[in-house]
Protein backbone atom coordinates (compact mmCIF):
# COMPACT_ATOMS: atom_id res chain seq x y z
CA MET A 1 0.00 0.00 0.00
CA PRO A 2 1.49 3.41 -0.93
CA ALA A 3 1.57 6.46 1.36
CA ARG A 4 -1.89 7.11 2.79
CA THR A 5 -4.06 10.15 2.17
CA GLY A 6 -5.72 12.17 4.88
CA GLU A 7 -9.04 10.49 4.20
CA GLN A 8 -7.47 7.05 4.64
CA PHE A 9 -5.84 8.18 7.88
CA LEU A 10 -9.15 9.39 9.31
CA LYS A 11 -10.85 6.16 8.30
CA GLY A 12 -8.22 4.21 10.25
CA LEU A 13 -8.90 6.27 13.39
CA ARG A 14 -12.47 5.01 13.56
CA SER A 15 -11.31 1.62 14.84
CA PRO A 16 -12.31 0.81 18.44
CA ARG A 17 -10.05 2.11 21.23
CA GLU A 18 -10.47 3.12 24.87
CA ILE A 19 -9.71 6.86 24.92
CA TRP A 20 -10.82 8.96 27.89
CA VAL A 21 -10.85 12.79 27.76
CA ASP A 22 -12.21 15.03 30.53
CA GLY A 23 -14.06 12.15 32.19
CA GLU A 24 -15.69 10.93 28.99
CA ARG A 25 -14.91 7.84 26.96
CA ILE A 26 -14.66 9.05 23.38
CA GLY A 27 -16.45 6.86 20.86
CA ASP A 28 -15.33 8.71 17.73
CA VAL A 29 -12.02 10.58 17.88
CA VAL A 30 -12.47 11.95 14.36
CA ASP A 31 -15.60 14.03 14.97
CA HIS A 32 -15.61 14.66 18.74
CA PRO A 33 -15.31 18.44 19.35
CA LYS A 34 -12.39 17.97 21.78
CA LEU A 35 -10.37 15.96 19.25
CA ARG A 36 -11.67 16.85 15.80
CA GLY A 37 -9.31 19.78 15.21
CA ALA A 38 -6.10 17.80 15.68
CA ALA A 39 -7.45 14.73 13.86
CA HIS A 40 -8.13 16.78 10.75
CA ALA A 41 -4.85 18.68 11.08
CA LEU A 42 -2.99 15.37 11.03
CA ALA A 43 -5.03 14.31 8.03
CA ASP A 44 -3.68 17.44 6.34
CA VAL A 45 -0.15 16.21 7.12
CA PHE A 46 -0.82 12.95 5.29
CA ASP A 47 -2.19 14.92 2.33
CA LEU A 48 0.81 17.23 2.49
CA HIS A 49 3.05 14.28 1.60
CA HIS A 50 1.23 13.96 -1.69
CA GLU A 51 1.02 17.70 -2.36
CA HIS A 52 4.81 17.89 -2.01
CA GLY A 53 5.64 14.44 -3.26
CA ASP A 54 8.94 15.57 -4.78
CA VAL A 55 10.19 16.34 -1.25
CA CYS A 56 8.12 14.13 1.04
CA LEU A 57 7.78 10.84 -0.88
CA MET A 58 10.22 8.24 -2.19
CA PRO A 59 10.02 4.70 -3.62
CA ASP A 60 10.04 1.84 -1.13
CA PRO A 61 13.44 0.15 -1.64
CA GLU A 62 11.81 -3.27 -2.05
CA THR A 63 8.35 -2.70 -3.55
CA GLY A 64 8.81 0.59 -5.39
CA GLU A 65 5.58 1.98 -3.93
CA ALA A 66 5.58 5.60 -2.75
CA ILE A 67 6.37 5.91 0.97
CA ALA A 68 7.02 8.89 3.22
CA VAL A 69 10.69 9.94 3.23
CA SER A 70 10.58 9.85 7.05
CA HIS A 71 10.52 6.02 6.75
CA MET A 72 13.92 6.04 5.01
CA ILE A 73 16.84 4.24 6.69
CA PRO A 74 19.62 6.76 5.90
CA ARG A 75 22.66 5.17 4.28
CA SER A 76 24.59 8.34 3.46
CA ARG A 77 24.98 12.00 4.32
CA GLU A 78 22.89 12.77 1.25
CA ASP A 79 20.06 10.60 2.60
CA LEU A 80 20.08 12.63 5.82
CA ALA A 81 19.87 15.88 3.87
CA LYS A 82 16.95 14.51 1.86
CA ARG A 83 15.17 13.41 5.02
CA GLY A 84 15.82 16.81 6.58
CA LYS A 85 13.98 18.60 3.76
CA ALA A 86 10.94 16.38 4.21
CA LEU A 87 10.96 16.86 7.98
CA ARG A 88 11.06 20.64 7.53
CA ARG A 89 8.06 20.55 5.24
CA VAL A 90 6.01 18.67 7.85
CA ALA A 91 7.22 20.86 10.75
CA GLU A 92 6.16 24.01 8.93
CA TYR A 93 2.55 22.82 8.72
CA SER A 94 2.07 23.12 12.51
CA VAL A 95 4.86 25.72 12.86
CA GLY A 96 6.56 23.26 15.19
CA LEU A 97 3.67 23.07 17.66
CA MET A 98 2.99 19.37 17.09
CA GLY A 99 6.03 17.55 18.41
CA ARG A 100 4.72 14.09 17.67
CA THR A 101 3.49 14.15 14.10
CA PRO A 102 3.83 10.61 12.70
CA ASP A 103 7.22 11.38 11.13
CA TYR A 104 8.74 11.29 14.63
CA MET A 105 8.03 7.60 15.08
CA ASN A 106 8.75 6.89 11.42
CA VAL A 107 12.26 8.28 11.94
CA THR A 108 12.60 6.41 15.24
CA PHE A 109 11.80 2.98 13.81
CA ALA A 110 13.84 3.58 10.68
CA GLY A 111 16.79 4.16 13.01
CA PHE A 112 15.97 1.04 15.00
CA ALA A 113 15.69 -1.10 11.87
CA GLY A 114 19.05 0.29 10.75
CA ARG A 115 20.74 -1.12 13.87
CA PRO A 116 20.03 -4.88 13.98
CA ASP A 117 23.50 -5.24 15.50
CA GLU A 118 22.26 -3.47 18.64
CA TRP A 119 18.82 -5.04 18.90
CA GLY A 120 20.19 -8.55 18.31
CA ILE A 121 22.72 -8.70 21.16
CA ASN A 122 22.53 -11.19 24.03
CA GLY A 123 20.60 -13.76 22.04
CA ASN A 124 17.91 -11.37 20.81
CA GLU A 125 18.40 -12.01 17.09
CA ALA A 126 14.77 -13.13 16.65
CA GLY A 127 13.54 -9.94 18.30
CA ALA A 128 15.68 -7.86 15.95
CA GLU A 129 14.25 -9.70 12.94
CA ARG A 130 10.71 -9.06 14.15
CA LEU A 131 11.51 -5.36 14.57
CA ILE A 132 12.84 -5.12 11.01
CA ALA A 133 9.67 -6.82 9.75
CA TYR A 134 7.56 -4.36 11.76
CA GLN A 135 9.36 -1.36 10.29
CA LYS A 136 8.51 -2.66 6.82
CA PHE A 137 4.86 -2.91 7.87
CA LEU A 138 4.99 0.59 9.36
CA ARG A 139 6.31 2.20 6.19
CA ARG A 140 4.16 0.22 3.75
CA ALA A 141 0.90 0.58 5.68
CA ASP A 142 1.88 4.17 6.54
CA ILE A 143 0.18 3.91 9.90
CA SER A 144 0.23 6.55 12.61
CA LEU A 145 2.32 5.28 15.51
CA THR A 146 2.63 6.76 18.99
CA HIS A 147 4.84 5.64 21.85
CA THR A 148 5.04 5.50 25.62
CA ILE A 149 8.55 5.19 27.04
CA VAL A 150 8.62 7.08 30.37
CA GLN A 151 8.34 5.11 33.58
CA PRO A 152 5.59 6.23 36.01
CA THR A 153 6.69 8.38 38.94
CA VAL A 154 5.32 7.29 42.30
CA ASP A 155 8.25 8.00 44.62
CA LYS A 156 11.18 10.01 43.28
CA ALA A 157 13.39 8.70 46.05
CA THR A 158 13.36 5.26 44.43
CA GLY A 159 14.92 6.60 41.22
CA ASP A 160 13.74 6.90 37.63
CA ALA A 161 14.00 3.22 36.68
CA PRO A 162 11.82 0.49 38.22
CA THR A 163 13.40 -2.13 40.41
CA ALA A 164 12.27 -5.69 40.94
CA GLY A 165 8.81 -5.91 42.45
CA ASN A 166 7.60 -2.47 41.33
CA PRO A 167 3.84 -3.00 40.74
CA TYR A 168 3.23 0.29 38.89
CA ALA A 169 5.68 0.16 35.99
CA LEU A 170 4.92 -1.86 32.88
CA HIS A 171 6.22 -5.42 33.30
CA LYS A 172 5.84 -8.92 32.01
CA VAL A 173 3.35 -11.10 33.89
CA GLU A 174 3.42 -14.41 32.02
CA ASP A 175 4.10 -16.23 28.78
CA THR A 176 1.20 -17.42 26.66
CA GLU A 177 0.84 -19.71 23.68
CA HIS A 178 0.94 -16.72 21.32
CA GLY A 179 3.09 -14.19 23.18
CA ILE A 180 3.27 -12.57 26.61
CA VAL A 181 0.93 -10.74 29.00
CA VAL A 182 2.00 -7.34 30.34
CA ARG A 183 0.65 -5.24 33.19
CA GLY A 184 1.32 -1.77 34.58
CA THR A 185 1.57 1.79 33.29
CA ARG A 186 3.69 4.08 31.14
CA VAL A 187 3.63 7.79 30.33
CA LEU A 188 3.29 9.87 28.22
CA ALA A 189 1.62 8.78 25.00
CA THR A 190 1.46 12.02 23.06
CA LEU A 191 -0.76 11.67 19.97
CA ALA A 192 -2.59 8.71 21.52
CA PRO A 193 -6.10 9.52 20.22
CA PHE A 194 -4.74 9.92 16.70
CA ALA A 195 -2.58 6.80 16.44
CA ASP A 196 -3.24 3.41 14.90
CA GLU A 197 -0.72 1.59 17.08
CA LEU A 198 1.32 2.05 20.26
CA ALA A 199 5.07 1.42 20.63
CA VAL A 200 6.98 0.57 23.80
CA TYR A 201 10.76 0.71 23.63
CA PRO A 202 13.80 1.54 25.81
CA ALA A 203 14.58 5.10 26.87
CA ALA A 204 16.77 4.66 29.95
CA PRO A 205 18.78 1.73 31.33
CA LEU A 206 17.31 -0.67 33.87
CA PRO A 207 19.10 -1.88 37.01
CA GLU A 208 19.98 -5.48 37.78
CA GLU A 209 17.16 -7.89 38.55
CA ALA A 210 14.67 -5.73 36.59
CA ASP A 211 14.44 -8.08 33.62
CA ALA A 212 10.62 -8.22 33.76
CA TYR A 213 10.54 -4.51 32.84
CA ALA A 214 12.89 -4.90 29.86
CA LEU A 215 10.25 -4.92 27.12
CA SER A 216 9.77 -3.57 23.63
CA PHE A 217 6.78 -4.18 21.38
CA CYS A 218 4.09 -2.60 19.21
CA ILE A 219 0.36 -3.29 19.48
CA PRO A 220 -2.83 -1.88 17.94
CA MET A 221 -4.65 0.82 19.90
CA SER A 222 -7.63 -1.55 20.00
CA ALA A 223 -5.76 -4.24 21.99
CA PRO A 224 -7.99 -5.56 24.83
CA GLY A 225 -6.98 -4.12 28.21
CA LEU A 226 -5.24 -1.06 26.74
CA LYS A 227 -6.60 2.18 28.23
CA PHE A 228 -5.61 5.81 27.56
CA LEU A 229 -6.39 8.52 30.12
CA CYS A 230 -5.81 11.85 28.37
CA ARG A 231 -5.04 15.13 30.10
CA ASP A 232 -7.59 17.97 30.00
CA SER A 233 -8.36 18.98 26.43
CA PHE A 234 -6.95 22.32 25.31
CA SER A 235 -8.56 22.09 21.90
CA SER A 236 -10.58 25.22 21.24
CA PRO A 237 -13.69 25.32 19.06
CA THR A 238 -12.93 25.19 15.35
CA ASN A 239 -12.76 28.92 14.76
CA ARG A 240 -9.49 29.94 13.19
CA PHE A 241 -10.01 33.63 13.84
CA ASP A 242 -10.40 33.32 17.60
CA HIS A 243 -8.13 30.29 18.03
CA PRO A 244 -5.80 29.99 15.01
CA LEU A 245 -3.53 27.40 16.68
CA SER A 246 -5.40 25.70 19.52
CA SER A 247 -8.32 24.93 17.21
CA ARG A 248 -6.17 22.37 15.37
CA PHE A 249 -2.82 21.58 17.03
CA ASP A 250 -3.67 20.02 20.41
CA GLU A 251 -1.97 16.66 19.84
CA GLN A 252 -3.00 15.41 23.32
CA ASP A 253 -1.04 13.41 25.90
CA ALA A 254 -2.15 10.26 27.69
CA PHE A 255 -1.38 8.12 30.73
CA VAL A 256 -1.40 4.51 29.52
CA ILE A 257 -2.74 1.57 31.53
CA PHE A 258 -1.91 -1.98 30.45
CA ASP A 259 -4.59 -4.02 32.18
CA ASP A 260 -3.22 -7.51 31.43
CA VAL A 261 -2.63 -6.89 27.73
CA GLU A 262 -1.49 -9.78 25.54
CA VAL A 263 1.34 -8.90 23.15
CA PRO A 264 1.57 -11.23 20.13
CA ARG A 265 5.01 -12.78 19.73
CA GLU A 266 5.45 -11.41 16.20
CA ARG A 267 5.14 -7.90 17.68
CA LEU A 268 7.60 -8.55 20.51
CA PHE A 269 11.08 -7.08 19.98
CA ILE A 270 12.59 -7.41 23.48
CA ASP A 271 11.26 -10.00 25.91
CA ALA A 272 12.75 -9.52 29.38
CA ASN A 273 16.24 -9.17 27.89
CA ARG A 274 17.88 -6.44 29.96
CA ALA A 275 21.18 -6.43 28.09
CA ALA A 276 19.45 -5.73 24.78
CA TYR A 277 17.10 -3.22 26.41
CA ASN A 278 19.96 -1.23 27.94
CA LYS A 279 21.98 -1.22 24.73
CA VAL A 280 19.37 0.37 22.46
CA PRO A 281 19.28 3.94 23.85
CA SER A 282 23.04 4.20 24.32
CA SER A 283 24.34 5.16 20.87
CA SER A 284 22.51 5.96 17.61
CA TRP A 285 18.97 6.38 18.97
CA SER A 286 19.42 9.94 20.20
CA PRO A 287 21.16 11.57 17.18
CA ASN A 288 18.77 9.77 14.83
CA ILE A 289 15.54 11.06 16.36
CA GLN A 290 16.95 14.47 17.22
CA GLN A 291 17.24 15.42 13.56
CA GLN A 292 13.44 15.49 13.55
CA THR A 293 13.03 17.13 16.95
CA MET A 294 15.51 19.92 16.30
CA ILE A 295 14.20 20.73 12.82
CA ARG A 296 10.80 21.10 14.48
CA ALA A 297 12.32 23.34 17.16
CA ALA A 298 14.06 25.52 14.58
CA THR A 299 10.76 25.96 12.74
CA LYS A 300 8.96 26.94 15.93
CA LEU A 301 11.63 29.50 16.81
CA ASP A 302 11.48 31.06 13.34
CA PHE A 303 7.72 31.37 13.76
CA ALA A 304 8.15 32.99 17.19
CA TRP A 305 10.64 35.46 15.73
CA GLY A 306 8.12 36.32 13.01
CA LEU A 307 5.44 36.88 15.66
CA GLY A 308 7.70 39.28 17.54
CA LEU A 309 8.40 41.26 14.37
CA ARG A 310 4.70 41.48 13.46
CA MET A 311 3.67 42.60 16.93
CA ALA A 312 6.30 45.31 17.04
CA ALA A 313 5.26 46.58 13.63
CA ALA A 314 1.56 46.55 14.56
CA ILE A 315 2.14 49.09 17.34
CA ASN A 316 5.30 50.70 15.90
CA ALA A 317 7.44 49.50 18.83
CA ALA A 318 10.83 50.48 17.43
CA ASP A 319 12.50 51.18 20.76
CA PRO A 320 15.89 49.52 21.43
CA GLU A 321 14.60 47.23 24.19
CA THR A 322 11.83 45.76 22.03
CA GLN A 323 14.27 45.21 19.19
CA ARG A 324 16.75 43.62 21.60
CA MET A 325 14.15 41.13 22.83
CA ILE A 326 13.12 40.24 19.28
CA GLY A 327 16.80 39.86 18.46
CA GLU A 328 17.13 37.42 21.34
CA ILE A 329 14.50 35.17 19.74
CA TRP A 330 16.29 35.53 16.39
CA ALA A 331 19.55 34.43 18.03
CA TYR A 332 17.93 31.30 19.45
CA ALA A 333 16.53 30.50 16.00
CA GLU A 334 19.91 31.00 14.34
CA PHE A 335 21.77 28.91 16.92
CA THR A 336 19.26 26.10 16.41
CA ARG A 337 19.46 26.27 12.62
CA ALA A 338 23.27 26.32 12.74
CA ALA A 339 23.43 23.37 15.14
CA VAL A 340 21.15 21.29 12.91
CA ALA A 341 23.27 22.19 9.86
CA ALA A 342 26.47 21.32 11.73
CA ALA A 343 25.03 18.00 12.93
CA GLU A 344 24.00 17.04 9.39
CA ALA A 345 27.36 18.15 7.94
CA GLU A 346 29.27 16.14 10.57
CA ALA A 347 27.06 13.06 10.16
CA ARG A 348 28.58 9.68 10.90
CA GLU A 349 28.14 6.09 9.81
CA TRP A 350 27.49 3.36 12.38
CA PRO A 351 28.81 -0.23 12.08
CA SER A 352 25.54 -1.44 10.55
CA GLY A 353 25.65 1.15 7.76
CA LEU A 354 23.08 3.49 9.33
CA TRP A 355 23.91 7.19 9.07
CA THR A 356 22.84 9.71 11.71
CA SER A 357 23.56 13.34 12.40
CA ALA A 358 26.40 14.12 14.80
CA SER A 359 25.24 13.95 18.39
CA GLY A 360 27.22 16.85 19.90
CA PRO A 361 25.41 19.86 18.36
CA LEU A 362 22.00 18.24 18.84
CA HIS A 363 22.65 17.30 22.44
CA ALA A 364 23.72 20.88 23.15
CA LEU A 365 20.37 22.04 21.77
CA ARG A 366 18.63 19.37 23.81
CA ALA A 367 20.13 20.99 26.91
CA MET A 368 19.34 24.60 25.99
CA LEU A 369 15.91 24.51 24.33
CA PRO A 370 14.12 23.82 27.65
CA LEU A 371 15.46 27.22 28.75
CA TRP A 372 14.97 29.05 25.47
CA PHE A 373 11.34 28.22 24.79
CA PRO A 374 9.97 29.53 28.12
CA ARG A 375 12.07 32.67 27.58
CA VAL A 376 10.62 33.10 24.08
CA ASN A 377 7.08 32.96 25.49
CA GLU A 378 8.04 35.50 28.15
CA ILE A 379 9.42 37.88 25.51
CA LEU A 380 6.33 37.62 23.34
CA ARG A 381 4.05 38.30 26.30
CA GLN A 382 6.18 41.29 27.34
CA ILE A 383 6.04 42.82 23.88
CA GLY A 384 2.33 42.03 23.61
CA SER A 385 1.56 43.61 26.99
CA HIS A 386 -2.14 44.50 27.34
CA ASN A 387 -2.60 44.35 23.57
CA VAL A 388 -3.03 40.55 23.62
CA PHE A 389 -6.27 41.12 25.54
CA ALA A 390 -7.61 43.94 23.37
CA THR A 391 -8.68 41.46 20.72
CA PRO A 392 -12.38 41.25 19.86
CA THR A 393 -13.73 37.84 18.91
CA LEU A 394 -15.05 36.82 15.53
CA ALA A 395 -18.61 37.15 16.86
CA GLN A 396 -17.88 40.75 17.84
CA MET A 397 -16.10 41.44 14.56
CA THR A 398 -19.13 40.29 12.57
CA ASP A 399 -21.65 42.29 14.60
CA LYS A 400 -22.96 45.04 12.32
CA ASP A 401 -23.05 47.64 15.11
CA LEU A 402 -19.69 46.79 16.72
CA ARG A 403 -17.58 46.35 13.59
CA PRO A 404 -17.51 50.05 12.58
CA LEU A 405 -16.46 50.99 16.13
CA ILE A 406 -13.75 48.32 16.21
CA ASP A 407 -12.37 49.51 12.88
CA ARG A 408 -12.33 53.09 14.16
CA TYR A 409 -10.82 52.57 17.61
CA LEU A 410 -8.54 49.52 17.27
CA PRO A 411 -6.34 50.16 14.24
CA GLY A 412 -2.65 49.42 14.24
CA ALA A 413 0.18 51.84 13.66
CA LYS A 414 0.78 53.30 10.20
CA ALA A 415 -2.79 52.69 9.04
CA LEU A 416 -2.73 48.95 9.79
CA PRO A 417 -6.36 47.76 9.62
CA ALA A 418 -7.93 46.80 12.93
CA GLU A 419 -8.67 43.26 11.78
CA GLU A 420 -5.03 42.61 10.91
CA ARG A 421 -3.84 43.98 14.24
CA ILE A 422 -6.37 41.87 16.11
CA ARG A 423 -5.40 38.71 14.25
CA ILE A 424 -1.71 39.27 15.06
CA PHE A 425 -2.31 39.60 18.78
CA ARG A 426 -4.77 36.72 18.93
CA LEU A 427 -2.18 34.54 17.18
CA VAL A 428 0.50 35.57 19.69
CA TRP A 429 -1.71 34.79 22.67
CA ASP A 430 -2.68 31.40 21.27
CA PHE A 431 1.04 30.64 20.79
CA ALA A 432 2.50 32.03 24.02
CA GLY A 433 -0.23 32.59 26.60
CA GLY A 434 -3.31 30.39 26.21
CA ALA A 435 -4.04 26.95 27.63
CA LEU A 436 -2.36 25.07 24.77
CA ALA A 437 0.62 27.42 25.05
CA GLY A 438 1.04 26.40 28.70
CA ARG A 439 0.99 22.73 27.75
CA ASN A 440 3.51 23.32 24.99
CA GLU A 441 5.86 25.19 27.30
CA GLN A 442 5.77 22.32 29.80
CA TYR A 443 6.34 19.89 26.92
CA GLU A 444 9.42 21.80 25.73
CA ARG A 445 10.86 21.84 29.25
CA PHE A 446 10.77 18.08 29.74
CA TYR A 447 10.02 16.02 26.63
CA LEU A 448 13.68 15.14 26.03
CA ALA A 449 14.60 15.50 29.72
CA SER A 450 15.25 18.75 31.56
CA SER A 451 18.07 21.15 30.84
CA PRO A 452 20.00 20.36 34.08
CA ARG A 453 19.83 16.63 33.41
CA ASN A 454 21.06 17.01 29.84
CA LEU A 455 23.89 19.33 30.85
CA ALA A 456 24.97 16.92 33.57
CA ARG A 457 25.03 14.03 31.08
CA HIS A 458 26.82 15.83 28.27
CA LEU A 459 29.96 13.69 28.51
CA ALA A 460 27.96 10.65 27.45
CA PHE A 461 27.23 12.26 24.09
CA THR A 462 30.37 14.22 23.27
CA ASP A 463 34.00 13.81 22.21
CA ARG A 464 36.28 15.55 24.69
CA SER A 465 39.54 14.75 22.91
CA ARG A 466 40.11 18.22 21.44
CA ALA A 467 39.34 19.94 24.75
CA ASP A 468 41.78 17.59 26.51
CA ARG A 469 44.45 18.22 23.87
CA LEU A 470 44.19 21.99 24.29
CA VAL A 471 44.53 21.73 28.06
CA ASP A 472 47.25 19.06 27.98
CA ARG A 473 49.50 21.34 25.94
CA PHE A 474 50.00 23.49 29.03
CA LEU A 475 49.80 20.81 31.70
CA LYS A 476 52.42 18.61 30.03
CA GLU A 477 54.93 21.17 28.70
CA PRO A 478 58.34 21.20 30.39
CA TYR A 479 59.11 23.93 32.90
C-alpha cells in the first residue's frame, strides 16, 4: 500500500479504542469536538506528503511503492539531507507546535531497523528480525504510531527506573501460547487519540534484577486491556479567527494503563532481555531522532521570531529594548538552525551502515531549548503587553453595530487595519499565553529530559579529545 491520504488516515482512526478525555470515553475521535481539530490537522499532514511528493515521498526500496521519506533508513549524508527537507516541510505545517506528528516515530523505527546489530545482542536475534519486519509494515501501511517510554513516577526517592517488584511500571506477567501478557503503566503517550498503534521501547537503562521490565513491542490501539487517560483537552472550538492554533494543534497526551494486555510474539522485539534493552538507547537512537526534533524546534523559533516582528510593527514598537528582545528570539533560531546544519554536515556512519547526524550539536540544543522556549514565550508576552487582551472575537467582529467601532478605535500603527492587528495579537496569545501554550511550554521543558539533566550528562554524548588536547599542551609542557 502506498503512502496514505488524509481520508485514509481518518478512516483508520475510527477503529475501536479506549480513549478517555475530561471524564468521557470518546467513541469517535475523528468528529468529537475535543479531538476533531487535531485529527483533521494530522489528516492534512498525510495529504501534504502527496502535495509535495517531490520532497516528502520516495520509492520503497523493495516494492517501489511511494512511501514517506521519514521512513527512510539513511545510508549516506545525502540521505540525511533529503530526510531533513521532508521533515522541515512537515514541521512548517504546525509551525513546530505538534512535536509528535507521525514522522517522529517513522524516523525512530527507521533508526531502530538500521541497527540490527544493537537489537540482536545477548541472544535477541529473533527480536531484531521481528523489529525489522515491523518497520517494513509501518512504512508500507503508513500507519500513525505513537509511543510510551517514560516510567511512572510514584516515589522520586526510588529513582527513575523500576526495580524488581515495582507494581506500577509496565512489566511482564506471564508467557502465553501466542506471546506474553503485560501489566502496569507508562507515560506519556502524546498523539494517543490519533494513532493506529502504540510502541513501547527503551529510553533509559534498567538496574539489575529488573528483567521483567525490559520490554519492547508494538500493538494496535484496539488491543484488549489497553486504556488511555488523556489530560484535559486544550482544543478550542474550530474557529481559526479566535483560536488559530489551539483549534487544530492540540496533539493530546495520555497516561497509559496496560490491564493484562497480551502482546503477540510477532510484535515482541525485546522480551525480558535487559542487556538488549539497555543497549538500544546508548548510541545511535538519540542523534537519529533528534534530527526530527531539532528541525521542528528551529521551525517553531522562526515562527516565534516572526510573531515578535509582526507585533512590534503593529504598534510601531521600534525602541531599542523591544528590538533587543526580538533579536534574542532571532539568536535562538539561528543557533538552532546552525546546530542542525552542523550536525548534518558532521554526520557519521554506524557499524551497521546506518547514518545519523552528529550527536554533539544536537545534544547541546537538547540541553538549551528547555530554557529558550519559556524565555521566548516571556518575551512575546512582554512585547504584547495588554494588547493581547484587546482582541475582539469573531462574533464581535461580525456584529454590524460593533464592527464600525472596532475599525475606528482599534487600528494598528501606520494605518494597519484593525482586523489585521487583532489577528496578530490573537495569534500571539494562542502561541505564548493560552491553555495550549502552557501545555507546549511544559512539553518543551521536559520532553527530552530537563536542561539540568542534559547538561549533567553531556559527557555521554560528546567527544572531549580536542578539549583535553588543548589543556594538555600546558599541563604537560616542560618547565
